[in-house]
Amino acid sequence: MKLVQARIDDELAEKAESILSDLGLTRSEALTLFYQQIILNNGLPFEVRLSQKPNEETVAALNEDLRDSKVYASSQELWEDLKT
């Protein structure tokens, strides 16, 4: 068995280990699961990428004044409006 050591921020470790405890996992068990997933996925078990900057259309939509937008009291009202 190999000893693996890592330096991790105290607050980050405490938060993560609290969740692991709720799941019934120790730090070692979680790391073992993570390593097993790396092997099964032949890489990290989640996507790692740089976030993309929004295009001009997205920026315009985010900056759009929504004061004149229609507001619905319920999802049912929205669906009724979409049918017309």
PDB file of N, CA and C in Angstrom:
ATOM      1  N   MET A   1       0.853  -1.174   0.000  1.00  0.00           N
ATOM      2  CA  MET A   1       0.000   0.000   0.000  1.00  0.00           C
ATOM      3  C   MET A   1       0.897   1.234   0.000  1.00  0.00           C
ATOM      4  N   LYS A   2       0.494   2.246  -0.758  1.00  0.00           N
ATOM      5  CA  LYS A   2       1.295   3.456  -0.914  1.00  0.00           C
ATOM      6  C   LYS A   2       0.706   4.587  -0.076  1.00  0.00           C
ATOM      7  N   LEU A   3       1.559   5.335   0.604  1.00  0.00           N
ATOM      8  CA  LEU A   3       1.150   6.509   1.362  1.00  0.00           C
ATOM      9  C   LEU A   3       1.123   7.700   0.418  1.00  0.00           C
ATOM     10  N   VAL A   4      -0.018   8.390   0.348  1.00  0.00           N
ATOM     11  CA  VAL A   4      -0.164   9.569  -0.498  1.00  0.00           C
ATOM     12  C   VAL A   4      -0.394  10.760   0.421  1.00  0.00           C
ATOM     13  N   GLN A   5       0.417  11.795   0.259  1.00  0.00           N
ATOM     14  CA  GLN A   5       0.268  12.999   1.065  1.00  0.00           C
ATOM     15  C   GLN A   5      -0.038  14.182   0.156  1.00  0.00           C
ATOM     16  N   ALA A   6      -0.877  15.086   0.655  1.00  0.00           N
ATOM     17  CA  ALA A   6      -1.216  16.283  -0.119  1.00  0.00           C
ATOM     18  C   ALA A   6      -1.424  17.451   0.833  1.00  0.00           C
ATOM     19  N   ARG A   7      -1.066  18.625   0.365  1.00  0.00           N
ATOM     20  CA  ARG A   7      -1.326  19.839   1.139  1.00  0.00           C
ATOM     21  C   ARG A   7      -2.606  20.464   0.593  1.00  0.00           C
ATOM     22  N   ILE A   8      -3.577  20.631   1.477  1.00  0.00           N
ATOM     23  CA  ILE A   8      -4.869  21.174   1.081  1.00  0.00           C
ATOM     24  C   ILE A   8      -5.259  22.245   2.094  1.00  0.00           C
ATOM     25  N   ASP A   9      -5.823  23.327   1.593  1.00  0.00           N
ATOM     26  CA  ASP A   9      -6.287  24.420   2.439  1.00  0.00           C
ATOM     27  C   ASP A   9      -7.182  23.868   3.552  1.00  0.00           C
ATOM     28  N   ASP A  10      -6.982  24.346   4.774  1.00  0.00           N
ATOM     29  CA  ASP A  10      -7.734  23.843   5.926  1.00  0.00           C
ATOM     30  C   ASP A  10      -9.242  23.948   5.742  1.00  0.00           C
ATOM     31  N   GLU A  11      -9.727  25.111   5.298  1.00  0.00           N
ATOM     32  CA  GLU A  11     -11.165  25.323   5.151  1.00  0.00           C
ATOM     33  C   GLU A  11     -11.742  24.398   4.079  1.00  0.00           C
ATOM     34  N   LEU A  12     -11.019  24.260   2.980  1.00  0.00           N
ATOM     35  CA  LEU A  12     -11.455  23.371   1.905  1.00  0.00           C
ATOM     36  C   LEU A  12     -11.549  21.935   2.420  1.00  0.00           C
ATOM     37  N   ALA A  13     -10.528  21.494   3.129  1.00  0.00           N
ATOM     38  CA  ALA A  13     -10.505  20.127   3.659  1.00  0.00           C
ATOM     39  C   ALA A  13     -11.646  19.901   4.644  1.00  0.00           C
ATOM     40  N   GLU A  14     -11.886  20.859   5.529  1.00  0.00           N
ATOM     41  CA  GLU A  14     -12.952  20.709   6.524  1.00  0.00           C
ATOM     42  C   GLU A  14     -14.316  20.591   5.863  1.00  0.00           C
ATOM     43  N   LYS A  15     -14.581  21.448   4.881  1.00  0.00           N
ATOM     44  CA  LYS A  15     -15.873  21.412   4.190  1.00  0.00           C
ATOM     45  C   LYS A  15     -16.050  20.082   3.455  1.00  0.00           C
ATOM     46  N   ALA A  16     -15.017  19.664   2.727  1.00  0.00           N
ATOM     47  CA  ALA A  16     -15.101  18.422   1.960  1.00  0.00           C
ATOM     48  C   ALA A  16     -15.239  17.218   2.891  1.00  0.00           C
ATOM     49  N   GLU A  17     -14.489  17.202   3.965  1.00  0.00           N
ATOM     50  CA  GLU A  17     -14.522  16.058   4.871  1.00  0.00           C
ATOM     51  C   GLU A  17     -15.838  15.986   5.642  1.00  0.00           C
ATOM     52  N   SER A  18     -16.480  17.114   5.850  1.00  0.00           N
ATOM     53  CA  SER A  18     -17.800  17.108   6.470  1.00  0.00           C
ATOM     54  C   SER A  18     -18.804  16.405   5.552  1.00  0.00           C
ATOM     55  N   ILE A  19     -18.724  16.706   4.257  1.00  0.00           N
ATOM     56  CA  ILE A  19     -19.603  16.050   3.280  1.00  0.00           C
ATOM     57  C   ILE A  19     -19.274  14.567   3.186  1.00  0.00           C
ATOM     58  N   LEU A  20     -17.985  14.257   3.149  1.00  0.00           N
ATOM     59  CA  LEU A  20     -17.585  12.846   3.098  1.00  0.00           C
ATOM     60  C   LEU A  20     -18.105  12.085   4.310  1.00  0.00           C
ATOM     61  N   SER A  21     -18.047  12.713   5.471  1.00  0.00           N
ATOM     62  CA  SER A  21     -18.547  12.088   6.696  1.00  0.00           C
ATOM     63  C   SER A  21     -20.037  11.796   6.577  1.00  0.00           C
ATOM     64  N   ASP A  22     -20.794  12.758   6.025  1.00  0.00           N
ATOM     65  CA  ASP A  22     -22.223  12.547   5.816  1.00  0.00           C
ATOM     66  C   ASP A  22     -22.478  11.381   4.864  1.00  0.00           C
ATOM     67  N   LEU A  23     -21.553  11.165   3.936  1.00  0.00           N
ATOM     68  CA  LEU A  23     -21.665  10.055   2.989  1.00  0.00           C
ATOM     69  C   LEU A  23     -21.150   8.737   3.562  1.00  0.00           C
ATOM     70  N   GLY A  24     -20.561   8.816   4.753  1.00  0.00           N
ATOM     71  CA  GLY A  24     -20.014   7.618   5.382  1.00  0.00           C
ATOM     72  C   GLY A  24     -18.662   7.220   4.830  1.00  0.00           C
ATOM     73  N   LEU A  25     -17.929   8.196   4.273  1.00  0.00           N
ATOM     74  CA  LEU A  25     -16.617   7.921   3.679  1.00  0.00           C
ATOM     75  C   LEU A  25     -15.508   8.617   4.447  1.00  0.00           C
ATOM     76  N   THR A  26     -14.386   7.949   4.535  1.00  0.00           N
ATOM     77  CA  THR A  26     -13.188   8.579   5.086  1.00  0.00           C
ATOM     78  C   THR A  26     -12.445   9.278   3.953  1.00  0.00           C
ATOM     79  N   ARG A  27     -11.487  10.092   4.316  1.00  0.00           N
ATOM     80  CA  ARG A  27     -10.642  10.770   3.327  1.00  0.00           C
ATOM     81  C   ARG A  27      -9.941   9.727   2.450  1.00  0.00           C
ATOM     82  N   SER A  28      -9.423   8.687   3.055  1.00  0.00           N
ATOM     83  CA  SER A  28      -8.720   7.643   2.299  1.00  0.00           C
ATOM     84  C   SER A  28      -9.647   6.918   1.338  1.00  0.00           C
ATOM     85  N   GLU A  29     -10.866   6.620   1.789  1.00  0.00           N
ATOM     86  CA  GLU A  29     -11.829   5.948   0.916  1.00  0.00           C
ATOM     87  C   GLU A  29     -12.211   6.841  -0.267  1.00  0.00           C
ATOM     88  N   ALA A  30     -12.384   8.129   0.000  1.00  0.00           N
ATOM     89  CA  ALA A  30     -12.732   9.065  -1.068  1.00  0.00           C
ATOM     90  C   ALA A  30     -11.605   9.164  -2.092  1.00  0.00           C
ATOM     91  N   LEU A  31     -10.379   9.232  -1.622  1.00  0.00           N
ATOM     92  CA  LEU A  31      -9.248   9.290  -2.549  1.00  0.00           C
ATOM     93  C   LEU A  31      -9.120   8.001  -3.341  1.00  0.00           C
ATOM     94  N   THR A  32      -9.391   6.879  -2.705  1.00  0.00           N
ATOM     95  CA  THR A  32      -9.362   5.600  -3.414  1.00  0.00           C
ATOM     96  C   THR A  32     -10.423   5.579  -4.507  1.00  0.00           C
ATOM     97  N   LEU A  33     -11.636   6.047  -4.190  1.00  0.00           N
ATOM     98  CA  LEU A  33     -12.699   6.126  -5.197  1.00  0.00           C
ATOM     99  C   LEU A  33     -12.286   7.047  -6.350  1.00  0.00           C
ATOM    100  N   PHE A  34     -11.694   8.186  -6.011  1.00  0.00           N
ATOM    101  CA  PHE A  34     -11.247   9.133  -7.027  1.00  0.00           C
ATOM    102  C   PHE A  34     -10.208   8.482  -7.935  1.00  0.00           C
ATOM    103  N   TYR A  35      -9.234   7.802  -7.376  1.00  0.00           N
ATOM    104  CA  TYR A  35      -8.207   7.127  -8.177  1.00  0.00           C
ATOM    105  C   TYR A  35      -8.829   6.033  -9.051  1.00  0.00           C
ATOM    106  N   GLN A  36      -9.804   5.287  -8.503  1.00  0.00           N
ATOM    107  CA  GLN A  36     -10.464   4.253  -9.297  1.00  0.00           C
ATOM    108  C   GLN A  36     -11.197   4.871 -10.494  1.00  0.00           C
ATOM    109  N   GLN A  37     -11.821   6.018 -10.274  1.00  0.00           N
ATOM    110  CA  GLN A  37     -12.521   6.693 -11.361  1.00  0.00           C
ATOM    111  C   GLN A  37     -11.537   7.224 -12.412  1.00  0.00           C
ATOM    112  N   ILE A  38     -10.376   7.669 -11.984  1.00  0.00           N
ATOM    113  CA  ILE A  38      -9.347   8.102 -12.937  1.00  0.00           C
ATOM    114  C   ILE A  38      -8.972   6.939 -13.854  1.00  0.00           C
ATOM    115  N   ILE A  39      -8.814   5.761 -13.279  1.00  0.00           N
ATOM    116  CA  ILE A  39      -8.468   4.573 -14.070  1.00  0.00           C
ATOM    117  C   ILE A  39      -9.612   4.211 -15.014  1.00  0.00           C
ATOM    118  N   LEU A  40     -10.846   4.164 -14.494  1.00  0.00           N
ATOM    119  CA  LEU A  40     -12.006   3.801 -15.320  1.00  0.00           C
ATOM    120  C   LEU A  40     -12.229   4.779 -16.477  1.00  0.00           C
ATOM    121  N   ASN A  41     -11.952   6.075 -16.219  1.00  0.00           N
ATOM    122  CA  ASN A  41     -12.162   7.108 -17.235  1.00  0.00           C
ATOM    123  C   ASN A  41     -10.919   7.379 -18.077  1.00  0.00           C
ATOM    124  N   ASN A  42      -9.818   6.735 -17.713  1.00  0.00           N
ATOM    125  CA  ASN A  42      -8.544   6.988 -18.384  1.00  0.00           C
ATOM    126  C   ASN A  42      -8.240   8.494 -18.383  1.00  0.00           C
ATOM    127  N   GLY A  43      -8.547   9.108 -17.263  1.00  0.00           N
ATOM    128  CA  GLY A  43      -8.356  10.552 -17.075  1.00  0.00           C
ATOM    129  C   GLY A  43      -9.217  10.995 -15.908  1.00  0.00           C
ATOM    130  N   LEU A  44      -9.326  12.282 -15.737  1.00  0.00           N
ATOM    131  CA  LEU A  44     -10.151  12.793 -14.652  1.00  0.00           C
ATOM    132  C   LEU A  44     -11.611  12.435 -14.893  1.00  0.00           C
ATOM    133  N   PRO A  45     -12.370  12.142 -13.826  1.00  0.00           N
ATOM    134  CA  PRO A  45     -13.761  11.730 -13.995  1.00  0.00           C
ATOM    135  C   PRO A  45     -14.729  12.899 -14.188  1.00  0.00           C
ATOM    136  N   PHE A  46     -14.203  14.035 -14.572  1.00  0.00           N
ATOM    137  CA  PHE A  46     -15.021  15.208 -14.862  1.00  0.00           C
ATOM    138  C   PHE A  46     -14.253  16.065 -15.853  1.00  0.00           C
ATOM    139  N   GLU A  47     -14.987  16.922 -16.546  1.00  0.00           N
ATOM    140  CA  GLU A  47     -14.376  17.763 -17.568  1.00  0.00           C
ATOM    141  C   GLU A  47     -13.591  18.904 -16.914  1.00  0.00           C
ATOM    142  N   VAL A  48     -12.384  19.114 -17.387  1.00  0.00           N
ATOM    143  CA  VAL A  48     -11.566  20.227 -16.921  1.00  0.00           C
ATOM    144  C   VAL A  48     -11.252  21.085 -18.133  1.00  0.00           C
ATOM    145  N   ARG A  49     -11.720  22.324 -18.088  1.00  0.00           N
ATOM    146  CA  ARG A  49     -11.487  23.209 -19.226  1.00  0.00           C
ATOM    147  C   ARG A  49     -11.527  24.650 -18.765  1.00  0.00           C
ATOM    148  N   LEU A  50     -11.004  25.507 -19.575  1.00  0.00           N
ATOM    149  CA  LEU A  50     -11.082  26.929 -19.314  1.00  0.00           C
ATOM    150  C   LEU A  50     -12.478  27.399 -19.683  1.00  0.00           C
ATOM    151  N   SER A  51     -13.022  28.286 -18.882  1.00  0.00           N
ATOM    152  CA  SER A  51     -14.346  28.795 -19.222  1.00  0.00           C
ATOM    153  C   SER A  51     -14.227  29.721 -20.426  1.00  0.00           C
ATOM    154  N   GLN A  52     -15.259  29.693 -21.230  1.00  0.00           N
ATOM    155  CA  GLN A  52     -15.260  30.510 -22.431  1.00  0.00           C
ATOM    156  C   GLN A  52     -15.891  31.851 -22.127  1.00  0.00           C
ATOM    157  N   LYS A  53     -15.382  32.878 -22.770  1.00  0.00           N
ATOM    158  CA  LYS A  53     -15.981  34.192 -22.633  1.00  0.00           C
ATOM    159  C   LYS A  53     -17.272  34.196 -23.444  1.00  0.00           C
ATOM    160  N   PRO A  54     -18.306  34.852 -22.945  1.00  0.00           N
ATOM    161  CA  PRO A  54     -19.562  34.885 -23.696  1.00  0.00           C
ATOM    162  C   PRO A  54     -19.416  35.678 -24.995  1.00  0.00           C
ATOM    163  N   ASN A  55     -20.149  35.247 -26.018  1.00  0.00           N
ATOM    164  CA  ASN A  55     -20.094  35.960 -27.296  1.00  0.00           C
ATOM    165  C   ASN A  55     -20.922  37.244 -27.202  1.00  0.00           C
ATOM    166  N   GLU A  56     -20.901  38.039 -28.249  1.00  0.00           N
ATOM    167  CA  GLU A  56     -21.582  39.338 -28.231  1.00  0.00           C
ATOM    168  C   GLU A  56     -23.086  39.189 -28.005  1.00  0.00           C
ATOM    169  N   GLU A  57     -23.683  38.163 -28.604  1.00  0.00           N
ATOM    170  CA  GLU A  57     -25.122  37.953 -28.454  1.00  0.00           C
ATOM    171  C   GLU A  57     -25.483  37.664 -26.999  1.00  0.00           C
ATOM    172  N   THR A  58     -24.667  36.851 -26.339  1.00  0.00           N
ATOM    173  CA  THR A  58     -24.919  36.523 -24.938  1.00  0.00           C
ATOM    174  C   THR A  58     -24.751  37.745 -24.059  1.00  0.00           C
ATOM    175  N   VAL A  59     -23.706  38.523 -24.310  1.00  0.00           N
ATOM    176  CA  VAL A  59     -23.477  39.743 -23.530  1.00  0.00           C
ATOM    177  C   VAL A  59     -24.652  40.696 -23.702  1.00  0.00           C
ATOM    178  N   ALA A  60     -25.147  40.849 -24.932  1.00  0.00           N
ATOM    179  CA  ALA A  60     -26.286  41.726 -25.190  1.00  0.00           C
ATOM    180  C   ALA A  60     -27.527  41.236 -24.434  1.00  0.00           C
ATOM    181  N   ALA A  61     -27.748  39.933 -24.432  1.00  0.00           N
ATOM    182  CA  ALA A  61     -28.904  39.370 -23.729  1.00  0.00           C
ATOM    183  C   ALA A  61     -28.789  39.603 -22.223  1.00  0.00           C
ATOM    184  N   LEU A  62     -27.587  39.458 -21.692  1.00  0.00           N
ATOM    185  CA  LEU A  62     -27.380  39.672 -20.260  1.00  0.00           C
ATOM    186  C   LEU A  62     -27.596  41.127 -19.872  1.00  0.00           C
ATOM    187  N   ASN A  63     -27.300  42.027 -20.791  1.00  0.00           N
ATOM    188  CA  ASN A  63     -27.424  43.456 -20.510  1.00  0.00           C
ATOM    189  C   ASN A  63     -28.789  44.022 -20.894  1.00  0.00           C
ATOM    190  N   GLU A  64     -29.632  43.191 -21.472  1.00  0.00           N
ATOM    191  CA  GLU A  64     -30.943  43.634 -21.930  1.00  0.00           C
ATOM    192  C   GLU A  64     -31.808  44.098 -20.759  1.00  0.00           C
ATOM    193  N   ASP A  65     -32.512  45.189 -20.988  1.00  0.00           N
ATOM    194  CA  ASP A  65     -33.416  45.719 -19.972  1.00  0.00           C
ATOM    195  C   ASP A  65     -34.655  44.837 -19.927  1.00  0.00           C
ATOM    196  N   LEU A  66     -34.884  44.190 -18.807  1.00  0.00           N
ATOM    197  CA  LEU A  66     -35.976  43.232 -18.697  1.00  0.00           C
ATOM    198  C   LEU A  66     -37.236  43.839 -18.079  1.00  0.00           C
ATOM    199  N   ARG A  67     -37.243  45.139 -17.856  1.00  0.00           N
ATOM    200  CA  ARG A  67     -38.405  45.766 -17.221  1.00  0.00           C
ATOM    201  C   ARG A  67     -39.672  45.610 -18.042  1.00  0.00           C
ATOM    202  N   ASP A  68     -39.554  45.498 -19.366  1.00  0.00           N
ATOM    203  CA  ASP A  68     -40.724  45.368 -20.220  1.00  0.00           C
ATOM    204  C   ASP A  68     -41.061  43.912 -20.529  1.00  0.00           C
ATOM    205  N   SER A  69     -40.349  42.984 -19.909  1.00  0.00           N
ATOM    206  CA  SER A  69     -40.594  41.561 -20.170  1.00  0.00           C
ATOM    207  C   SER A  69     -41.888  41.116 -19.504  1.00  0.00           C
ATOM    208  N   LYS A  70     -42.510  40.119 -20.109  1.00  0.00           N
ATOM    209  CA  LYS A  70     -43.746  39.577 -19.563  1.00  0.00           C
ATOM    210  C   LYS A  70     -43.432  38.720 -18.345  1.00  0.00           C
ATOM    211  N   VAL A  71     -44.233  38.839 -17.322  1.00  0.00           N
ATOM    212  CA  VAL A  71     -44.056  38.077 -16.092  1.00  0.00           C
ATOM    213  C   VAL A  71     -45.272  37.174 -15.919  1.00  0.00           C
ATOM    214  N   TYR A  72     -45.027  35.941 -15.536  1.00  0.00           N
ATOM    215  CA  TYR A  72     -46.091  34.972 -15.353  1.00  0.00           C
ATOM    216  C   TYR A  72     -46.256  34.653 -13.869  1.00  0.00           C
ATOM    217  N   ALA A  73     -47.486  34.495 -13.462  1.00  0.00           N
ATOM    218  CA  ALA A  73     -47.777  34.174 -12.061  1.00  0.00           C
ATOM    219  C   ALA A  73     -47.526  32.700 -11.756  1.00  0.00           C
ATOM    220  N   SER A  74     -47.551  31.872 -12.813  1.00  0.00           N
ATOM    221  CA  SER A  74     -47.341  30.438 -12.605  1.00  0.00           C
ATOM    222  C   SER A  74     -46.804  29.817 -13.892  1.00  0.00           C
ATOM    223  N   SER A  75     -46.282  28.627 -13.751  1.00  0.00           N
ATOM    224  CA  SER A  75     -45.806  27.912 -14.937  1.00  0.00           C
ATOM    225  C   SER A  75     -46.977  27.556 -15.847  1.00  0.00           C
ATOM    226  N   GLN A  76     -48.134  27.289 -15.245  1.00  0.00           N
ATOM    227  CA  GLN A  76     -49.334  26.983 -16.033  1.00  0.00           C
ATOM    228  C   GLN A  76     -49.678  28.162 -16.942  1.00  0.00           C
ATOM    229  N   GLU A  77     -49.601  29.370 -16.405  1.00  0.00           N
ATOM    230  CA  GLU A  77     -49.882  30.567 -17.194  1.00  0.00           C
ATOM    231  C   GLU A  77     -48.892  30.708 -18.350  1.00  0.00           C
ATOM    232  N   LEU A  78     -47.635  30.408 -18.079  1.00  0.00           N
ATOM    233  CA  LEU A  78     -46.611  30.448 -19.121  1.00  0.00           C
ATOM    234  C   LEU A  78     -46.935  29.452 -20.231  1.00  0.00           C
ATOM    235  N   TRP A  79     -47.273  28.219 -19.863  1.00  0.00           N
ATOM    236  CA  TRP A  79     -47.574  27.185 -20.859  1.00  0.00           C
ATOM    237  C   TRP A  79     -48.802  27.559 -21.698  1.00  0.00           C
ATOM    238  N   GLU A  80     -49.790  28.134 -21.049  1.00  0.00           N
ATOM    239  CA  GLU A  80     -50.980  28.578 -21.792  1.00  0.00           C
ATOM    240  C   GLU A  80     -50.610  29.639 -22.810  1.00  0.00           C
ATOM    241  N   ASP A  81     -49.749  30.564 -22.413  1.00  0.00           N
ATOM    242  CA  ASP A  81     -49.324  31.620 -23.324  1.00  0.00           C
ATOM    243  C   ASP A  81     -48.505  31.067 -24.494  1.00  0.00           C
ATOM    244  N   LEU A  82     -47.705  30.050 -24.224  1.00  0.00           N
ATOM    245  CA  LEU A  82     -46.876  29.447 -25.258  1.00  0.00           C
ATOM    246  C   LEU A  82     -47.720  28.701 -26.293  1.00  0.00           C
ATOM    247  N   LYS A  83     -48.874  28.236 -25.913  1.00  0.00           N
ATOM    248  CA  LYS A  83     -49.750  27.505 -26.829  1.00  0.00           C
ATOM    249  C   LYS A  83     -50.353  28.417 -27.888  1.00  0.00           C
ATOM    250  N   THR A  84     -50.433  29.723 -27.602  1.00  0.00           N
ATOM    251  CA  THR A  84     -51.060  30.650 -28.555  1.00  0.00           C
ATOM    252  C   THR A  84     -50.061  31.202 -29.526  1.00  0.00           C
TER     253      THR A  84
END
